[in-house]
């Protein structure tokens, strides 16, 4: 059996301690914490008293659903938060037509900002397109739109912009 001299054994011990001291200890609070807006999770903030806006959805069977909503809420989020049949396959990024709605009152339609090119491109793919068609993800509630009534089409086409790219 070969044995190491005592002095060499103690050097090994000191070396191990010095290596451990070179490795930094993990910081206890090194993880970042971030949150996302509740709107990104399909939840809506209830309107403040006196600031309620009203929107009515008419489903494919003709049933009406009336909601009090906050300024800035979009129709897709409102519909999904209330379990109405509006798919929103692209998650509200204006890349499909599954949140297509038909504004019942032409005067109310005229109060909305003009649809942008991306929205018009997606509306071209929508089933049952009308002169007052919009994408629910692009219509944000404002005081001017208080009392808005929209109809959900009898069906949707689940075509997305990515279906046409090469």
C-alpha atoms as a PDB file:
ATOM      1  CA  UNK A   1       0.000   0.000   0.000  1.00  0.00           C
ATOM      2  CA  UNK A   2       1.221   3.354  -0.842  1.00  0.00           C
ATOM      3  CA  UNK A   3       0.446   6.151   1.522  1.00  0.00           C
ATOM      4  CA  UNK A   4       0.732   9.836   0.888  1.00  0.00           C
ATOM      5  CA  UNK A   5       2.870  11.948   3.105  1.00  0.00           C
ATOM      6  CA  UNK A   6       0.911  13.939   5.672  1.00  0.00           C
ATOM      7  CA  UNK A   7       1.890  17.311   4.256  1.00  0.00           C
ATOM      8  CA  UNK A   8       0.583  16.435   0.805  1.00  0.00           C
ATOM      9  CA  UNK A   9      -2.768  15.326   2.188  1.00  0.00           C
ATOM     10  CA  UNK A  10      -3.241  18.619   3.972  1.00  0.00           C
ATOM     11  CA  UNK A  11      -2.378  20.520   0.769  1.00  0.00           C
ATOM     12  CA  UNK A  12      -5.140  18.691  -1.035  1.00  0.00           C
ATOM     13  CA  UNK A  13      -7.575  19.721   1.656  1.00  0.00           C
ATOM     14  CA  UNK A  14      -6.572  23.368   1.419  1.00  0.00           C
ATOM     15  CA  UNK A  15      -6.800  23.266  -2.359  1.00  0.00           C
ATOM     16  CA  UNK A  16     -10.371  21.994  -2.233  1.00  0.00           C
ATOM     17  CA  UNK A  17     -11.384  24.798   0.098  1.00  0.00           C
ATOM     18  CA  UNK A  18      -9.815  27.431  -2.078  1.00  0.00           C
ATOM     19  CA  UNK A  19     -11.596  26.121  -5.211  1.00  0.00           C
ATOM     20  CA  UNK A  20     -14.968  26.286  -3.446  1.00  0.00           C
ATOM     21  CA  UNK A  21     -14.309  29.863  -2.473  1.00  0.00           C
ATOM     22  CA  UNK A  22     -13.805  30.775  -6.156  1.00  0.00           C
ATOM     23  CA  UNK A  23     -17.271  29.557  -7.183  1.00  0.00           C
ATOM     24  CA  UNK A  24     -19.811  32.323  -6.580  1.00  0.00           C
ATOM     25  CA  UNK A  25     -22.841  31.398  -4.532  1.00  0.00           C
ATOM     26  CA  UNK A  26     -26.153  31.829  -6.340  1.00  0.00           C
ATOM     27  CA  UNK A  27     -27.940  35.035  -5.462  1.00  0.00           C
ATOM     28  CA  UNK A  28     -31.178  34.493  -3.573  1.00  0.00           C
ATOM     29  CA  UNK A  29     -33.096  37.101  -5.573  1.00  0.00           C
ATOM     30  CA  UNK A  30     -31.606  36.625  -9.027  1.00  0.00           C
ATOM     31  CA  UNK A  31     -34.902  35.556 -10.694  1.00  0.00           C
ATOM     32  CA  UNK A  32     -36.777  38.306 -12.456  1.00  0.00           C
ATOM     33  CA  UNK A  33     -40.519  38.602 -11.841  1.00  0.00           C
ATOM     34  CA  UNK A  34     -42.791  40.027 -14.494  1.00  0.00           C
ATOM     35  CA  UNK A  35     -46.521  40.151 -15.015  1.00  0.00           C
ATOM     36  CA  UNK A  36     -48.687  40.624 -18.063  1.00  0.00           C
ATOM     37  CA  UNK A  37     -51.773  42.698 -18.395  1.00  0.00           C
ATOM     38  CA  UNK A  38     -54.986  40.899 -17.370  1.00  0.00           C
ATOM     39  CA  UNK A  39     -56.295  41.668 -20.877  1.00  0.00           C
ATOM     40  CA  UNK A  40     -53.674  39.286 -22.273  1.00  0.00           C
ATOM     41  CA  UNK A  41     -55.377  36.475 -20.326  1.00  0.00           C
ATOM     42  CA  UNK A  42     -58.906  37.118 -21.569  1.00  0.00           C
ATOM     43  CA  UNK A  43     -60.046  38.815 -18.368  1.00  0.00           C
ATOM     44  CA  UNK A  44     -61.672  42.223 -18.406  1.00  0.00           C
ATOM     45  CA  UNK A  45     -61.598  44.849 -15.729  1.00  0.00           C
ATOM     46  CA  UNK A  46     -65.149  45.717 -14.635  1.00  0.00           C
ATOM     47  CA  UNK A  47     -66.132  49.276 -15.540  1.00  0.00           C
ATOM     48  CA  UNK A  48     -66.039  51.903 -12.808  1.00  0.00           C
ATOM     49  CA  UNK A  49     -69.440  53.098 -11.597  1.00  0.00           C
ATOM     50  CA  UNK A  50     -70.729  55.801 -13.917  1.00  0.00           C
ATOM     51  CA  UNK A  51     -68.235  54.893 -16.670  1.00  0.00           C
ATOM     52  CA  UNK A  52     -70.044  51.833 -18.034  1.00  0.00           C
ATOM     53  CA  UNK A  53     -70.391  51.410 -21.776  1.00  0.00           C
ATOM     54  CA  UNK A  54     -73.007  49.091 -23.259  1.00  0.00           C
ATOM     55  CA  UNK A  55     -72.649  46.565 -26.041  1.00  0.00           C
ATOM     56  CA  UNK A  56     -75.094  43.959 -27.322  1.00  0.00           C
ATOM     57  CA  UNK A  57     -74.153  40.793 -29.181  1.00  0.00           C
ATOM     58  CA  UNK A  58     -76.745  38.939 -31.265  1.00  0.00           C
ATOM     59  CA  UNK A  59     -75.785  35.307 -31.804  1.00  0.00           C
ATOM     60  CA  UNK A  60     -76.570  33.151 -34.843  1.00  0.00           C
ATOM     61  CA  UNK A  61     -79.875  32.067 -33.228  1.00  0.00           C
ATOM     62  CA  UNK A  62     -80.997  35.676 -32.723  1.00  0.00           C
ATOM     63  CA  UNK A  63     -80.478  35.666 -28.939  1.00  0.00           C
ATOM     64  CA  UNK A  64     -79.265  38.986 -27.509  1.00  0.00           C
ATOM     65  CA  UNK A  65     -76.561  39.311 -24.870  1.00  0.00           C
ATOM     66  CA  UNK A  66     -76.074  42.739 -23.281  1.00  0.00           C
ATOM     67  CA  UNK A  67     -72.939  43.681 -21.365  1.00  0.00           C
ATOM     68  CA  UNK A  68     -71.547  46.623 -19.454  1.00  0.00           C
ATOM     69  CA  UNK A  69     -67.911  47.092 -20.446  1.00  0.00           C
ATOM     70  CA  UNK A  70     -65.017  49.494 -20.003  1.00  0.00           C
ATOM     71  CA  UNK A  71     -63.619  51.955 -22.483  1.00  0.00           C
ATOM     72  CA  UNK A  72     -60.796  50.302 -24.446  1.00  0.00           C
ATOM     73  CA  UNK A  73     -62.189  46.748 -24.249  1.00  0.00           C
ATOM     74  CA  UNK A  74     -62.312  45.115 -27.668  1.00  0.00           C
ATOM     75  CA  UNK A  75     -65.224  43.020 -28.910  1.00  0.00           C
ATOM     76  CA  UNK A  76     -63.208  39.797 -29.093  1.00  0.00           C
ATOM     77  CA  UNK A  77     -62.137  40.026 -25.443  1.00  0.00           C
ATOM     78  CA  UNK A  78     -65.685  40.913 -24.366  1.00  0.00           C
ATOM     79  CA  UNK A  79     -67.178  37.965 -26.256  1.00  0.00           C
ATOM     80  CA  UNK A  80     -64.619  35.469 -24.994  1.00  0.00           C
ATOM     81  CA  UNK A  81     -64.830  36.689 -21.394  1.00  0.00           C
ATOM     82  CA  UNK A  82     -68.577  36.038 -21.550  1.00  0.00           C
ATOM     83  CA  UNK A  83     -68.350  32.638 -23.292  1.00  0.00           C
ATOM     84  CA  UNK A  84     -69.927  33.773 -26.551  1.00  0.00           C
ATOM     85  CA  UNK A  85     -69.078  31.813 -29.688  1.00  0.00           C
ATOM     86  CA  UNK A  86     -66.298  33.956 -31.122  1.00  0.00           C
ATOM     87  CA  UNK A  87     -63.132  31.998 -31.825  1.00  0.00           C
ATOM     88  CA  UNK A  88     -60.376  34.545 -32.382  1.00  0.00           C
ATOM     89  CA  UNK A  89     -58.017  31.847 -33.727  1.00  0.00           C
ATOM     90  CA  UNK A  90     -55.068  34.232 -34.069  1.00  0.00           C
ATOM     91  CA  UNK A  91     -55.401  35.564 -30.530  1.00  0.00           C
ATOM     92  CA  UNK A  92     -56.473  39.025 -31.630  1.00  0.00           C
ATOM     93  CA  UNK A  93     -53.464  39.799 -33.820  1.00  0.00           C
ATOM     94  CA  UNK A  94     -55.534  40.611 -36.926  1.00  0.00           C
ATOM     95  CA  UNK A  95     -54.287  37.515 -38.753  1.00  0.00           C
ATOM     96  CA  UNK A  96     -57.580  35.628 -39.258  1.00  0.00           C
ATOM     97  CA  UNK A  97     -61.283  36.384 -39.698  1.00  0.00           C
ATOM     98  CA  UNK A  98     -62.808  34.225 -36.946  1.00  0.00           C
ATOM     99  CA  UNK A  99     -63.839  37.230 -34.836  1.00  0.00           C
ATOM    100  CA  UNK A 100     -65.889  38.724 -37.693  1.00  0.00           C
ATOM    101  CA  UNK A 101     -68.882  40.771 -36.491  1.00  0.00           C
ATOM    102  CA  UNK A 102     -71.561  42.714 -38.328  1.00  0.00           C
ATOM    103  CA  UNK A 103     -72.422  46.144 -36.946  1.00  0.00           C
ATOM    104  CA  UNK A 104     -76.221  46.418 -36.962  1.00  0.00           C
ATOM    105  CA  UNK A 105     -76.496  50.226 -37.152  1.00  0.00           C
ATOM    106  CA  UNK A 106     -74.755  51.914 -40.081  1.00  0.00           C
ATOM    107  CA  UNK A 107     -74.631  55.182 -38.124  1.00  0.00           C
ATOM    108  CA  UNK A 108     -72.724  53.432 -35.342  1.00  0.00           C
ATOM    109  CA  UNK A 109     -70.414  51.840 -37.923  1.00  0.00           C
ATOM    110  CA  UNK A 110     -69.588  55.317 -39.248  1.00  0.00           C
ATOM    111  CA  UNK A 111     -68.432  56.375 -35.741  1.00  0.00           C
ATOM    112  CA  UNK A 112     -65.673  53.753 -35.809  1.00  0.00           C
ATOM    113  CA  UNK A 113     -62.178  54.459 -37.099  1.00  0.00           C
ATOM    114  CA  UNK A 114     -61.644  53.196 -40.650  1.00  0.00           C
ATOM    115  CA  UNK A 115     -60.355  49.620 -40.815  1.00  0.00           C
ATOM    116  CA  UNK A 116     -56.646  49.399 -41.608  1.00  0.00           C
ATOM    117  CA  UNK A 117     -55.318  47.432 -44.585  1.00  0.00           C
ATOM    118  CA  UNK A 118     -54.523  44.336 -42.474  1.00  0.00           C
ATOM    119  CA  UNK A 119     -58.099  44.205 -41.216  1.00  0.00           C
ATOM    120  CA  UNK A 120     -59.542  44.685 -44.708  1.00  0.00           C
ATOM    121  CA  UNK A 121     -57.333  41.862 -46.006  1.00  0.00           C
ATOM    122  CA  UNK A 122     -58.656  39.511 -43.321  1.00  0.00           C
ATOM    123  CA  UNK A 123     -62.256  40.649 -43.814  1.00  0.00           C
ATOM    124  CA  UNK A 124     -61.966  39.565 -47.451  1.00  0.00           C
ATOM    125  CA  UNK A 125     -61.707  36.002 -46.080  1.00  0.00           C
ATOM    126  CA  UNK A 126     -64.731  36.320 -43.778  1.00  0.00           C
ATOM    127  CA  UNK A 127     -67.917  34.354 -44.327  1.00  0.00           C
ATOM    128  CA  UNK A 128     -70.993  36.546 -44.911  1.00  0.00           C
ATOM    129  CA  UNK A 129     -69.109  39.806 -45.421  1.00  0.00           C
ATOM    130  CA  UNK A 130     -71.309  42.935 -45.357  1.00  0.00           C
ATOM    131  CA  UNK A 131     -70.781  46.680 -45.739  1.00  0.00           C
ATOM    132  CA  UNK A 132     -70.684  46.971 -41.927  1.00  0.00           C
ATOM    133  CA  UNK A 133     -68.411  43.998 -41.195  1.00  0.00           C
ATOM    134  CA  UNK A 134     -65.482  44.415 -38.803  1.00  0.00           C
ATOM    135  CA  UNK A 135     -63.086  42.176 -36.908  1.00  0.00           C
ATOM    136  CA  UNK A 136     -63.997  42.087 -33.229  1.00  0.00           C
ATOM    137  CA  UNK A 137     -60.348  42.198 -32.193  1.00  0.00           C
ATOM    138  CA  UNK A 138     -59.966  45.573 -33.917  1.00  0.00           C
ATOM    139  CA  UNK A 139     -63.053  47.306 -32.487  1.00  0.00           C
ATOM    140  CA  UNK A 140     -62.287  48.981 -29.170  1.00  0.00           C
ATOM    141  CA  UNK A 141     -65.149  50.367 -27.138  1.00  0.00           C
ATOM    142  CA  UNK A 142     -65.275  54.143 -26.815  1.00  0.00           C
ATOM    143  CA  UNK A 143     -67.868  56.551 -25.443  1.00  0.00           C
ATOM    144  CA  UNK A 144     -68.979  57.171 -29.032  1.00  0.00           C
ATOM    145  CA  UNK A 145     -69.745  53.441 -29.400  1.00  0.00           C
ATOM    146  CA  UNK A 146     -71.850  53.213 -26.228  1.00  0.00           C
ATOM    147  CA  UNK A 147     -74.934  51.174 -27.167  1.00  0.00           C
ATOM    148  CA  UNK A 148     -73.187  49.286 -29.990  1.00  0.00           C
ATOM    149  CA  UNK A 149     -75.080  46.262 -31.343  1.00  0.00           C
ATOM    150  CA  UNK A 150     -73.186  43.615 -33.313  1.00  0.00           C
ATOM    151  CA  UNK A 151     -74.359  40.401 -34.888  1.00  0.00           C
ATOM    152  CA  UNK A 152     -72.254  37.246 -34.945  1.00  0.00           C
ATOM    153  CA  UNK A 153     -72.331  35.556 -38.364  1.00  0.00           C
ATOM    154  CA  UNK A 154     -73.854  32.088 -38.655  1.00  0.00           C
ATOM    155  CA  UNK A 155     -70.410  30.613 -39.334  1.00  0.00           C
ATOM    156  CA  UNK A 156     -66.758  31.592 -39.715  1.00  0.00           C
ATOM    157  CA  UNK A 157     -63.880  30.524 -41.910  1.00  0.00           C
ATOM    158  CA  UNK A 158     -60.758  29.624 -40.002  1.00  0.00           C
ATOM    159  CA  UNK A 159     -58.298  30.959 -42.574  1.00  0.00           C
ATOM    160  CA  UNK A 160     -55.213  32.746 -41.313  1.00  0.00           C
ATOM    161  CA  UNK A 161     -52.659  34.913 -43.075  1.00  0.00           C
ATOM    162  CA  UNK A 162     -50.075  32.171 -42.533  1.00  0.00           C
ATOM    163  CA  UNK A 163     -52.179  29.820 -44.695  1.00  0.00           C
ATOM    164  CA  UNK A 164     -51.139  31.886 -47.731  1.00  0.00           C
ATOM    165  CA  UNK A 165     -47.437  32.418 -47.099  1.00  0.00           C
ATOM    166  CA  UNK A 166     -44.872  30.229 -48.784  1.00  0.00           C
END
